[in-house]
Amino acid sequence: MNELEKHIKNQRHLLDADRPREGHEGRFREKLGYQPVRRVNFRHVLQIAASIAVILASAFVLIRSNKSGDKVAVQEIPASVIEADIYYSTQVGYKVDQIRQFDFDNVEEKTVLLDELEELDIYQHQLMKDLEANPEDERVINALINHYKVKLDVMDQIIYQLNQLKTETDKKNENESV
């Protein structure tokens, strides 16, 4: 016991410090056999999937609440709505191409993301059917335009997060190469 007390008294300055010595965390992780886990990719995919789930849920509610379009005869869709549809479709196509150009670490993540985006098209097709059945209904026109806006916002967020992830990965690779 005497040697232990002597050792504690000699090392007292290290024991009274607020923080452990330099490199403590690295040595601790090394002893535990720690290997870095890629959580960033999963977190981003989870955020994207959650956003898409919210959009799909709201689309489902809108479709179920608007059944009046089924009772009206088919009429011609106004030219302004067709122009808006063409504009937004073009913008969505451009964003999808941007997302496809990103290099994903995991091919499954890219496939899941693109499949989720394609599921949003199902809601758009339903809105177009409702619009064909009732072209003068402002609710359907507004729902279609809002759908496009939300889809573009989600895609912008996805692209932003992918760019952020790419920047983080590039910085990490630069630090490792130095």
N, C-alpha and C. Protein backbone atom coordinates (compact mmCIF):
# COMPACT_ATOMS: atom_id res chain seq x y z
N MET A 1 0.82 -1.19 0.00
CA MET A 1 0.00 0.00 0.00
C MET A 1 0.86 1.25 0.00
N ASN A 2 2.03 1.16 0.62
CA ASN A 2 2.93 2.29 0.73
C ASN A 2 3.42 2.74 -0.65
N GLU A 3 3.70 1.77 -1.53
CA GLU A 3 4.16 2.13 -2.87
C GLU A 3 3.04 2.80 -3.68
N LEU A 4 1.81 2.36 -3.46
CA LEU A 4 0.67 2.96 -4.15
C LEU A 4 0.49 4.41 -3.73
N GLU A 5 0.59 4.67 -2.44
CA GLU A 5 0.48 6.04 -1.96
C GLU A 5 1.60 6.90 -2.51
N LYS A 6 2.78 6.35 -2.56
CA LYS A 6 3.94 7.07 -3.08
C LYS A 6 3.73 7.41 -4.57
N HIS A 7 3.23 6.43 -5.31
CA HIS A 7 2.97 6.65 -6.75
C HIS A 7 1.91 7.73 -6.95
N ILE A 8 0.83 7.70 -6.15
CA ILE A 8 -0.24 8.70 -6.26
C ILE A 8 0.30 10.08 -5.95
N LYS A 9 1.14 10.20 -4.90
CA LYS A 9 1.71 11.50 -4.55
C LYS A 9 2.62 12.02 -5.66
N ASN A 10 3.39 11.12 -6.29
CA ASN A 10 4.28 11.54 -7.37
C ASN A 10 3.51 11.95 -8.63
N GLN A 11 2.39 11.33 -8.85
CA GLN A 11 1.61 11.60 -10.05
C GLN A 11 0.42 12.52 -9.79
N ARG A 12 0.38 13.16 -8.65
CA ARG A 12 -0.74 14.00 -8.24
C ARG A 12 -1.05 15.09 -9.26
N HIS A 13 -0.04 15.70 -9.83
CA HIS A 13 -0.27 16.78 -10.81
C HIS A 13 -1.04 16.26 -12.03
N LEU A 14 -0.86 15.01 -12.40
CA LEU A 14 -1.62 14.44 -13.52
C LEU A 14 -3.05 14.11 -13.12
N LEU A 15 -3.23 13.69 -11.87
CA LEU A 15 -4.56 13.32 -11.40
C LEU A 15 -5.45 14.52 -11.14
N ASP A 16 -4.86 15.66 -10.82
CA ASP A 16 -5.64 16.86 -10.52
C ASP A 16 -6.02 17.64 -11.78
N ALA A 17 -5.50 17.29 -12.91
CA ALA A 17 -5.79 18.02 -14.15
C ALA A 17 -7.26 17.84 -14.54
N ASP A 18 -7.85 18.90 -15.12
CA ASP A 18 -9.24 18.83 -15.56
C ASP A 18 -9.42 17.92 -16.76
N ARG A 19 -8.42 17.86 -17.59
CA ARG A 19 -8.51 17.08 -18.82
C ARG A 19 -7.39 16.03 -18.84
N PRO A 20 -7.66 14.92 -19.50
CA PRO A 20 -6.61 13.90 -19.61
C PRO A 20 -5.47 14.40 -20.50
N ARG A 21 -4.35 13.69 -20.45
CA ARG A 21 -3.18 14.07 -21.24
C ARG A 21 -3.50 14.03 -22.72
N GLU A 22 -2.69 14.71 -23.49
CA GLU A 22 -2.84 14.78 -24.94
C GLU A 22 -2.79 13.37 -25.54
N GLY A 23 -3.70 13.06 -26.42
CA GLY A 23 -3.74 11.77 -27.09
C GLY A 23 -4.47 10.69 -26.32
N HIS A 24 -5.06 11.04 -25.18
CA HIS A 24 -5.76 10.04 -24.36
C HIS A 24 -6.90 9.38 -25.13
N GLU A 25 -7.69 10.19 -25.82
CA GLU A 25 -8.84 9.65 -26.54
C GLU A 25 -8.41 8.67 -27.62
N GLY A 26 -7.35 9.01 -28.33
CA GLY A 26 -6.85 8.11 -29.37
C GLY A 26 -6.35 6.80 -28.80
N ARG A 27 -5.60 6.87 -27.70
CA ARG A 27 -5.12 5.64 -27.06
C ARG A 27 -6.29 4.80 -26.55
N PHE A 28 -7.30 5.46 -26.00
CA PHE A 28 -8.47 4.76 -25.49
C PHE A 28 -9.22 4.04 -26.61
N ARG A 29 -9.41 4.74 -27.72
CA ARG A 29 -10.09 4.14 -28.86
C ARG A 29 -9.28 2.98 -29.43
N GLU A 30 -7.97 3.13 -29.43
CA GLU A 30 -7.10 2.08 -29.94
C GLU A 30 -7.22 0.82 -29.08
N LYS A 31 -7.26 0.99 -27.79
CA LYS A 31 -7.41 -0.16 -26.89
C LYS A 31 -8.76 -0.84 -27.08
N LEU A 32 -9.78 -0.07 -27.39
CA LEU A 32 -11.11 -0.64 -27.61
C LEU A 32 -11.26 -1.27 -28.99
N GLY A 33 -10.27 -1.03 -29.85
CA GLY A 33 -10.37 -1.54 -31.22
C GLY A 33 -11.37 -0.75 -32.03
N TYR A 34 -11.47 0.54 -31.76
CA TYR A 34 -12.45 1.41 -32.41
C TYR A 34 -12.13 1.57 -33.88
N GLN A 35 -13.15 1.43 -34.69
CA GLN A 35 -13.04 1.72 -36.10
C GLN A 35 -14.14 2.70 -36.44
N PRO A 36 -13.80 3.77 -37.17
CA PRO A 36 -14.82 4.78 -37.47
C PRO A 36 -16.01 4.17 -38.22
N VAL A 37 -17.18 4.62 -37.85
CA VAL A 37 -18.42 4.14 -38.46
C VAL A 37 -18.95 5.24 -39.37
N ARG A 38 -19.44 4.85 -40.54
CA ARG A 38 -19.97 5.82 -41.50
C ARG A 38 -21.42 6.11 -41.16
N ARG A 39 -21.64 7.03 -40.26
CA ARG A 39 -23.00 7.37 -39.85
C ARG A 39 -23.59 8.47 -40.72
N VAL A 40 -22.77 9.26 -41.34
CA VAL A 40 -23.24 10.42 -42.09
C VAL A 40 -24.15 9.98 -43.23
N ASN A 41 -23.73 8.97 -43.98
CA ASN A 41 -24.52 8.53 -45.12
C ASN A 41 -25.88 8.02 -44.69
N PHE A 42 -25.92 7.21 -43.66
CA PHE A 42 -27.18 6.66 -43.19
C PHE A 42 -28.09 7.77 -42.68
N ARG A 43 -27.53 8.73 -41.97
CA ARG A 43 -28.33 9.82 -41.43
C ARG A 43 -28.96 10.63 -42.56
N HIS A 44 -28.18 10.90 -43.60
CA HIS A 44 -28.72 11.67 -44.71
C HIS A 44 -29.81 10.90 -45.44
N VAL A 45 -29.60 9.63 -45.63
CA VAL A 45 -30.61 8.82 -46.31
C VAL A 45 -31.88 8.76 -45.46
N LEU A 46 -31.70 8.66 -44.14
CA LEU A 46 -32.85 8.64 -43.25
C LEU A 46 -33.63 9.97 -43.30
N GLN A 47 -32.92 11.08 -43.34
CA GLN A 47 -33.58 12.39 -43.44
C GLN A 47 -34.34 12.51 -44.76
N ILE A 48 -33.73 12.04 -45.81
CA ILE A 48 -34.37 12.11 -47.13
C ILE A 48 -35.62 11.23 -47.15
N ALA A 49 -35.49 10.03 -46.62
CA ALA A 49 -36.63 9.12 -46.59
C ALA A 49 -37.77 9.69 -45.74
N ALA A 50 -37.42 10.33 -44.63
CA ALA A 50 -38.45 10.94 -43.79
C ALA A 50 -39.16 12.07 -44.53
N SER A 51 -38.40 12.88 -45.24
CA SER A 51 -39.01 13.98 -46.01
C SER A 51 -39.96 13.44 -47.07
N ILE A 52 -39.53 12.41 -47.75
CA ILE A 52 -40.36 11.83 -48.80
C ILE A 52 -41.60 11.18 -48.19
N ALA A 53 -41.46 10.56 -47.02
CA ALA A 53 -42.61 9.94 -46.36
C ALA A 53 -43.65 11.00 -45.99
N VAL A 54 -43.20 12.16 -45.52
CA VAL A 54 -44.12 13.24 -45.18
C VAL A 54 -44.86 13.72 -46.43
N ILE A 55 -44.14 13.84 -47.52
CA ILE A 55 -44.76 14.29 -48.77
C ILE A 55 -45.80 13.27 -49.24
N LEU A 56 -45.44 11.99 -49.17
CA LEU A 56 -46.38 10.96 -49.61
C LEU A 56 -47.62 10.92 -48.72
N ALA A 57 -47.42 11.10 -47.42
CA ALA A 57 -48.57 11.10 -46.50
C ALA A 57 -49.50 12.28 -46.80
N SER A 58 -48.94 13.46 -47.04
CA SER A 58 -49.78 14.61 -47.34
C SER A 58 -50.48 14.43 -48.70
N ALA A 59 -49.79 13.79 -49.63
CA ALA A 59 -50.40 13.52 -50.92
C ALA A 59 -51.58 12.57 -50.76
N PHE A 60 -51.41 11.57 -49.95
CA PHE A 60 -52.49 10.61 -49.71
C PHE A 60 -53.71 11.30 -49.11
N VAL A 61 -53.48 12.19 -48.16
CA VAL A 61 -54.58 12.92 -47.52
C VAL A 61 -55.29 13.81 -48.54
N LEU A 62 -54.53 14.50 -49.37
CA LEU A 62 -55.13 15.37 -50.39
C LEU A 62 -55.95 14.58 -51.40
N ILE A 63 -55.44 13.44 -51.81
CA ILE A 63 -56.16 12.63 -52.79
C ILE A 63 -57.46 12.10 -52.19
N ARG A 64 -57.40 11.62 -50.97
CA ARG A 64 -58.58 11.07 -50.31
C ARG A 64 -59.63 12.13 -50.01
N SER A 65 -59.20 13.35 -49.73
CA SER A 65 -60.16 14.40 -49.38
C SER A 65 -60.84 15.00 -50.61
N ASN A 66 -60.29 14.78 -51.81
CA ASN A 66 -60.85 15.38 -53.01
C ASN A 66 -61.40 14.29 -53.93
N LYS A 67 -62.62 13.92 -53.74
CA LYS A 67 -63.26 12.91 -54.58
C LYS A 67 -64.27 13.53 -55.54
N SER A 68 -64.41 14.84 -55.54
CA SER A 68 -65.41 15.48 -56.40
C SER A 68 -65.04 15.40 -57.86
N GLY A 69 -63.76 15.23 -58.20
CA GLY A 69 -63.32 15.18 -59.59
C GLY A 69 -63.82 13.96 -60.33
N ASP A 70 -64.17 12.90 -59.64
CA ASP A 70 -64.61 11.68 -60.30
C ASP A 70 -66.01 11.81 -60.91
N LYS A 71 -66.80 12.76 -60.48
CA LYS A 71 -68.19 12.88 -60.91
C LYS A 71 -68.38 13.79 -62.12
N VAL A 72 -67.33 14.50 -62.53
CA VAL A 72 -67.46 15.48 -63.60
C VAL A 72 -66.92 14.89 -64.90
N ALA A 73 -67.52 15.24 -66.00
CA ALA A 73 -67.08 14.77 -67.31
C ALA A 73 -65.71 15.34 -67.64
N VAL A 74 -64.97 14.64 -68.47
CA VAL A 74 -63.63 15.07 -68.85
C VAL A 74 -63.72 16.35 -69.67
N GLN A 75 -62.89 17.35 -69.30
CA GLN A 75 -62.84 18.62 -70.00
C GLN A 75 -61.40 18.93 -70.35
N GLU A 76 -61.18 20.01 -71.07
CA GLU A 76 -59.84 20.37 -71.50
C GLU A 76 -59.11 21.13 -70.38
N ILE A 77 -57.83 20.79 -70.20
CA ILE A 77 -57.01 21.43 -69.18
C ILE A 77 -56.55 22.79 -69.71
N PRO A 78 -56.62 23.84 -68.89
CA PRO A 78 -56.20 25.18 -69.32
C PRO A 78 -54.72 25.19 -69.74
N ALA A 79 -54.41 26.02 -70.73
CA ALA A 79 -53.05 26.10 -71.28
C ALA A 79 -52.05 26.55 -70.21
N SER A 80 -52.45 27.44 -69.32
CA SER A 80 -51.53 27.92 -68.29
C SER A 80 -51.10 26.79 -67.35
N VAL A 81 -52.02 25.87 -67.08
CA VAL A 81 -51.70 24.74 -66.21
C VAL A 81 -50.75 23.78 -66.94
N ILE A 82 -50.97 23.60 -68.23
CA ILE A 82 -50.08 22.74 -69.02
C ILE A 82 -48.68 23.34 -69.06
N GLU A 83 -48.59 24.65 -69.24
CA GLU A 83 -47.28 25.32 -69.25
C GLU A 83 -46.58 25.18 -67.91
N ALA A 84 -47.33 25.34 -66.84
CA ALA A 84 -46.74 25.17 -65.50
C ALA A 84 -46.26 23.74 -65.31
N ASP A 85 -47.05 22.79 -65.77
CA ASP A 85 -46.66 21.38 -65.65
C ASP A 85 -45.37 21.10 -66.42
N ILE A 86 -45.27 21.64 -67.62
CA ILE A 86 -44.05 21.45 -68.43
C ILE A 86 -42.85 22.08 -67.73
N TYR A 87 -43.01 23.29 -67.22
CA TYR A 87 -41.92 23.99 -66.53
C TYR A 87 -41.43 23.18 -65.32
N TYR A 88 -42.36 22.79 -64.46
CA TYR A 88 -41.97 22.06 -63.25
C TYR A 88 -41.41 20.68 -63.59
N SER A 89 -41.96 20.02 -64.59
CA SER A 89 -41.44 18.71 -65.00
C SER A 89 -40.00 18.83 -65.47
N THR A 90 -39.71 19.89 -66.21
CA THR A 90 -38.35 20.14 -66.68
C THR A 90 -37.40 20.37 -65.50
N GLN A 91 -37.84 21.18 -64.55
CA GLN A 91 -37.01 21.45 -63.37
C GLN A 91 -36.76 20.17 -62.57
N VAL A 92 -37.80 19.36 -62.40
CA VAL A 92 -37.65 18.10 -61.66
C VAL A 92 -36.68 17.18 -62.39
N GLY A 93 -36.81 17.09 -63.70
CA GLY A 93 -35.89 16.26 -64.49
C GLY A 93 -34.44 16.71 -64.34
N TYR A 94 -34.23 18.00 -64.33
CA TYR A 94 -32.88 18.55 -64.15
C TYR A 94 -32.32 18.17 -62.79
N LYS A 95 -33.14 18.28 -61.74
CA LYS A 95 -32.69 17.95 -60.38
C LYS A 95 -32.40 16.45 -60.25
N VAL A 96 -33.24 15.61 -60.86
CA VAL A 96 -33.01 14.16 -60.82
C VAL A 96 -31.68 13.84 -61.49
N ASP A 97 -31.39 14.47 -62.62
CA ASP A 97 -30.11 14.26 -63.30
C ASP A 97 -28.94 14.67 -62.41
N GLN A 98 -29.08 15.77 -61.68
CA GLN A 98 -28.03 16.20 -60.76
C GLN A 98 -27.80 15.15 -59.68
N ILE A 99 -28.87 14.60 -59.15
CA ILE A 99 -28.75 13.58 -58.09
C ILE A 99 -28.11 12.31 -58.65
N ARG A 100 -28.47 11.93 -59.86
CA ARG A 100 -27.89 10.73 -60.48
C ARG A 100 -26.38 10.87 -60.72
N GLN A 101 -25.90 12.09 -60.90
CA GLN A 101 -24.48 12.31 -61.18
C GLN A 101 -23.60 12.16 -59.94
N PHE A 102 -24.17 12.21 -58.75
CA PHE A 102 -23.38 12.07 -57.53
C PHE A 102 -22.87 10.63 -57.40
N ASP A 103 -21.65 10.52 -56.90
CA ASP A 103 -21.08 9.21 -56.61
C ASP A 103 -21.45 8.82 -55.19
N PHE A 104 -22.19 7.75 -55.07
CA PHE A 104 -22.59 7.24 -53.76
C PHE A 104 -21.62 6.13 -53.37
N ASP A 105 -21.33 6.05 -52.06
CA ASP A 105 -20.49 4.97 -51.56
C ASP A 105 -21.22 3.64 -51.66
N ASN A 106 -22.51 3.70 -51.49
CA ASN A 106 -23.33 2.51 -51.49
C ASN A 106 -24.36 2.64 -52.62
N VAL A 107 -24.34 1.71 -53.55
CA VAL A 107 -25.25 1.75 -54.70
C VAL A 107 -26.70 1.60 -54.24
N GLU A 108 -26.92 0.83 -53.17
CA GLU A 108 -28.28 0.64 -52.66
C GLU A 108 -28.88 1.95 -52.18
N GLU A 109 -28.07 2.80 -51.56
CA GLU A 109 -28.57 4.10 -51.09
C GLU A 109 -29.05 4.93 -52.27
N LYS A 110 -28.29 4.92 -53.34
CA LYS A 110 -28.68 5.69 -54.53
C LYS A 110 -29.97 5.12 -55.11
N THR A 111 -30.08 3.80 -55.18
CA THR A 111 -31.27 3.16 -55.72
C THR A 111 -32.50 3.49 -54.88
N VAL A 112 -32.35 3.42 -53.54
CA VAL A 112 -33.47 3.73 -52.65
C VAL A 112 -33.91 5.17 -52.83
N LEU A 113 -32.95 6.07 -52.90
CA LEU A 113 -33.26 7.49 -53.06
C LEU A 113 -34.01 7.74 -54.37
N LEU A 114 -33.53 7.18 -55.47
CA LEU A 114 -34.19 7.39 -56.76
C LEU A 114 -35.56 6.72 -56.80
N ASP A 115 -35.70 5.58 -56.14
CA ASP A 115 -37.02 4.92 -56.07
C ASP A 115 -38.01 5.77 -55.28
N GLU A 116 -37.56 6.38 -54.19
CA GLU A 116 -38.43 7.25 -53.39
C GLU A 116 -38.87 8.45 -54.23
N LEU A 117 -37.97 9.00 -55.01
CA LEU A 117 -38.33 10.14 -55.86
C LEU A 117 -39.33 9.73 -56.93
N GLU A 118 -39.20 8.52 -57.45
CA GLU A 118 -40.15 8.05 -58.45
C GLU A 118 -41.54 7.81 -57.85
N GLU A 119 -41.58 7.47 -56.57
CA GLU A 119 -42.87 7.28 -55.91
C GLU A 119 -43.65 8.60 -55.84
N LEU A 120 -42.92 9.70 -55.81
CA LEU A 120 -43.60 11.00 -55.80
C LEU A 120 -44.32 11.24 -57.13
N ASP A 121 -43.84 10.63 -58.19
CA ASP A 121 -44.49 10.79 -59.50
C ASP A 121 -45.87 10.15 -59.51
N ILE A 122 -46.08 9.14 -58.69
CA ILE A 122 -47.40 8.49 -58.62
C ILE A 122 -48.44 9.50 -58.16
N TYR A 123 -48.08 10.30 -57.17
CA TYR A 123 -48.99 11.33 -56.67
C TYR A 123 -49.25 12.38 -57.76
N GLN A 124 -48.23 12.74 -58.50
CA GLN A 124 -48.40 13.72 -59.57
C GLN A 124 -49.34 13.19 -60.65
N HIS A 125 -49.21 11.92 -61.00
CA HIS A 125 -50.10 11.32 -62.00
C HIS A 125 -51.56 11.31 -61.51
N GLN A 126 -51.74 11.06 -60.23
CA GLN A 126 -53.10 11.08 -59.66
C GLN A 126 -53.68 12.49 -59.73
N LEU A 127 -52.85 13.48 -59.43
CA LEU A 127 -53.31 14.87 -59.53
C LEU A 127 -53.66 15.23 -60.97
N MET A 128 -52.88 14.74 -61.91
CA MET A 128 -53.19 15.02 -63.32
C MET A 128 -54.52 14.38 -63.73
N LYS A 129 -54.79 13.19 -63.23
CA LYS A 129 -56.08 12.55 -63.51
C LYS A 129 -57.23 13.37 -62.93
N ASP A 130 -57.03 13.85 -61.70
CA ASP A 130 -58.04 14.70 -61.07
C ASP A 130 -58.22 15.99 -61.86
N LEU A 131 -57.13 16.53 -62.36
CA LEU A 131 -57.21 17.77 -63.14
C LEU A 131 -57.93 17.54 -64.46
N GLU A 132 -57.70 16.40 -65.09
CA GLU A 132 -58.41 16.09 -66.33
C GLU A 132 -59.91 15.94 -66.08
N ALA A 133 -60.26 15.39 -64.93
CA ALA A 133 -61.67 15.21 -64.60
C ALA A 133 -62.33 16.53 -64.25
N ASN A 134 -61.58 17.45 -63.66
CA ASN A 134 -62.13 18.73 -63.23
C ASN A 134 -61.08 19.83 -63.42
N PRO A 135 -60.89 20.29 -64.66
CA PRO A 135 -59.81 21.23 -64.96
C PRO A 135 -59.98 22.63 -64.36
N GLU A 136 -61.16 22.99 -63.97
CA GLU A 136 -61.39 24.33 -63.43
C GLU A 136 -61.28 24.38 -61.90
N ASP A 137 -61.06 23.24 -61.27
CA ASP A 137 -60.98 23.18 -59.81
C ASP A 137 -59.64 23.74 -59.35
N GLU A 138 -59.71 24.89 -58.68
CA GLU A 138 -58.49 25.57 -58.21
C GLU A 138 -57.74 24.73 -57.18
N ARG A 139 -58.45 23.94 -56.41
CA ARG A 139 -57.80 23.11 -55.39
C ARG A 139 -56.85 22.11 -56.03
N VAL A 140 -57.28 21.49 -57.12
CA VAL A 140 -56.43 20.50 -57.80
C VAL A 140 -55.23 21.19 -58.43
N ILE A 141 -55.47 22.34 -59.05
CA ILE A 141 -54.36 23.09 -59.67
C ILE A 141 -53.36 23.51 -58.61
N ASN A 142 -53.86 24.04 -57.49
CA ASN A 142 -52.96 24.45 -56.41
C ASN A 142 -52.23 23.25 -55.81
N ALA A 143 -52.93 22.13 -55.67
CA ALA A 143 -52.28 20.92 -55.13
C ALA A 143 -51.16 20.44 -56.05
N LEU A 144 -51.41 20.51 -57.37
CA LEU A 144 -50.39 20.10 -58.34
C LEU A 144 -49.17 21.01 -58.26
N ILE A 145 -49.41 22.30 -58.23
CA ILE A 145 -48.30 23.26 -58.15
C ILE A 145 -47.56 23.11 -56.83
N ASN A 146 -48.31 22.97 -55.73
CA ASN A 146 -47.66 22.76 -54.43
C ASN A 146 -46.85 21.48 -54.40
N HIS A 147 -47.38 20.44 -55.04
CA HIS A 147 -46.64 19.18 -55.12
C HIS A 147 -45.29 19.39 -55.81
N TYR A 148 -45.32 20.09 -56.93
CA TYR A 148 -44.07 20.36 -57.65
C TYR A 148 -43.11 21.19 -56.80
N LYS A 149 -43.63 22.21 -56.14
CA LYS A 149 -42.77 23.06 -55.31
C LYS A 149 -42.14 22.27 -54.17
N VAL A 150 -42.94 21.46 -53.50
CA VAL A 150 -42.41 20.66 -52.39
C VAL A 150 -41.39 19.65 -52.91
N LYS A 151 -41.69 19.03 -54.04
CA LYS A 151 -40.76 18.07 -54.62
C LYS A 151 -39.44 18.74 -54.98
N LEU A 152 -39.51 19.94 -55.57
CA LEU A 152 -38.28 20.66 -55.90
C LEU A 152 -37.53 21.06 -54.64
N ASP A 153 -38.25 21.47 -53.60
CA ASP A 153 -37.59 21.82 -52.32
C ASP A 153 -36.89 20.61 -51.72
N VAL A 154 -37.57 19.46 -51.74
CA VAL A 154 -36.96 18.25 -51.22
C VAL A 154 -35.72 17.89 -52.03
N MET A 155 -35.82 18.00 -53.34
CA MET A 155 -34.68 17.67 -54.19
C MET A 155 -33.53 18.65 -53.97
N ASP A 156 -33.85 19.94 -53.78
CA ASP A 156 -32.80 20.91 -53.46
C ASP A 156 -32.11 20.55 -52.15
N GLN A 157 -32.89 20.13 -51.16
CA GLN A 157 -32.33 19.72 -49.87
C GLN A 157 -31.44 18.49 -50.04
N ILE A 158 -31.88 17.54 -50.84
CA ILE A 158 -31.08 16.34 -51.10
C ILE A 158 -29.76 16.73 -51.76
N ILE A 159 -29.83 17.58 -52.77
CA ILE A 159 -28.61 18.01 -53.47
C ILE A 159 -27.69 18.77 -52.53
N TYR A 160 -28.26 19.61 -51.69
CA TYR A 160 -27.46 20.36 -50.72
C TYR A 160 -26.74 19.39 -49.76
N GLN A 161 -27.47 18.41 -49.26
CA GLN A 161 -26.87 17.45 -48.33
C GLN A 161 -25.82 16.60 -49.02
N LEU A 162 -26.06 16.22 -50.27
CA LEU A 162 -25.07 15.44 -51.00
C LEU A 162 -23.81 16.27 -51.27
N ASN A 163 -23.98 17.54 -51.60
CA ASN A 163 -22.82 18.42 -51.78
C ASN A 163 -22.05 18.58 -50.47
N GLN A 164 -22.78 18.73 -49.37
CA GLN A 164 -22.15 18.87 -48.06
C GLN A 164 -21.37 17.61 -47.72
N LEU A 165 -21.95 16.46 -47.98
CA LEU A 165 -21.29 15.19 -47.71
C LEU A 165 -20.05 15.04 -48.58
N LYS A 166 -20.15 15.44 -49.84
CA LYS A 166 -19.00 15.37 -50.75
C LYS A 166 -17.88 16.28 -50.26
N THR A 167 -18.24 17.48 -49.79
CA THR A 167 -17.24 18.42 -49.27
C THR A 167 -16.56 17.85 -48.04
N GLU A 168 -17.34 17.27 -47.14
CA GLU A 168 -16.78 16.66 -45.92
C GLU A 168 -15.84 15.51 -46.28
N THR A 169 -16.25 14.69 -47.24
CA THR A 169 -15.44 13.56 -47.65
C THR A 169 -14.15 14.04 -48.31
N ASP A 170 -14.24 15.08 -49.15
CA ASP A 170 -13.05 15.62 -49.80
C ASP A 170 -12.07 16.18 -48.78
N LYS A 171 -12.59 16.92 -47.79
CA LYS A 171 -11.72 17.47 -46.74
C LYS A 171 -11.07 16.35 -45.94
N LYS A 172 -11.84 15.32 -45.63
CA LYS A 172 -11.32 14.19 -44.88
C LYS A 172 -10.22 13.50 -45.66
N ASN A 173 -10.43 13.31 -46.96
CA ASN A 173 -9.43 12.67 -47.81
C ASN A 173 -8.17 13.52 -47.91
N GLU A 174 -8.33 14.85 -47.99
CA GLU A 174 -7.17 15.75 -48.03
C GLU A 174 -6.37 15.64 -46.74
N ASN A 175 -7.06 15.62 -45.60
CA ASN A 175 -6.38 15.52 -44.31
C ASN A 175 -5.65 14.19 -44.17
N GLU A 176 -6.27 13.11 -44.67
CA GLU A 176 -5.64 11.81 -44.58
C GLU A 176 -4.42 11.72 -45.51
N SER A 177 -4.49 12.36 -46.67
CA SER A 177 -3.37 12.30 -47.61
C SER A 177 -2.19 13.14 -47.15
N VAL A 178 -2.46 14.18 -46.35
CA VAL A 178 -1.38 15.04 -45.86
C VAL A 178 -0.71 14.33 -44.72
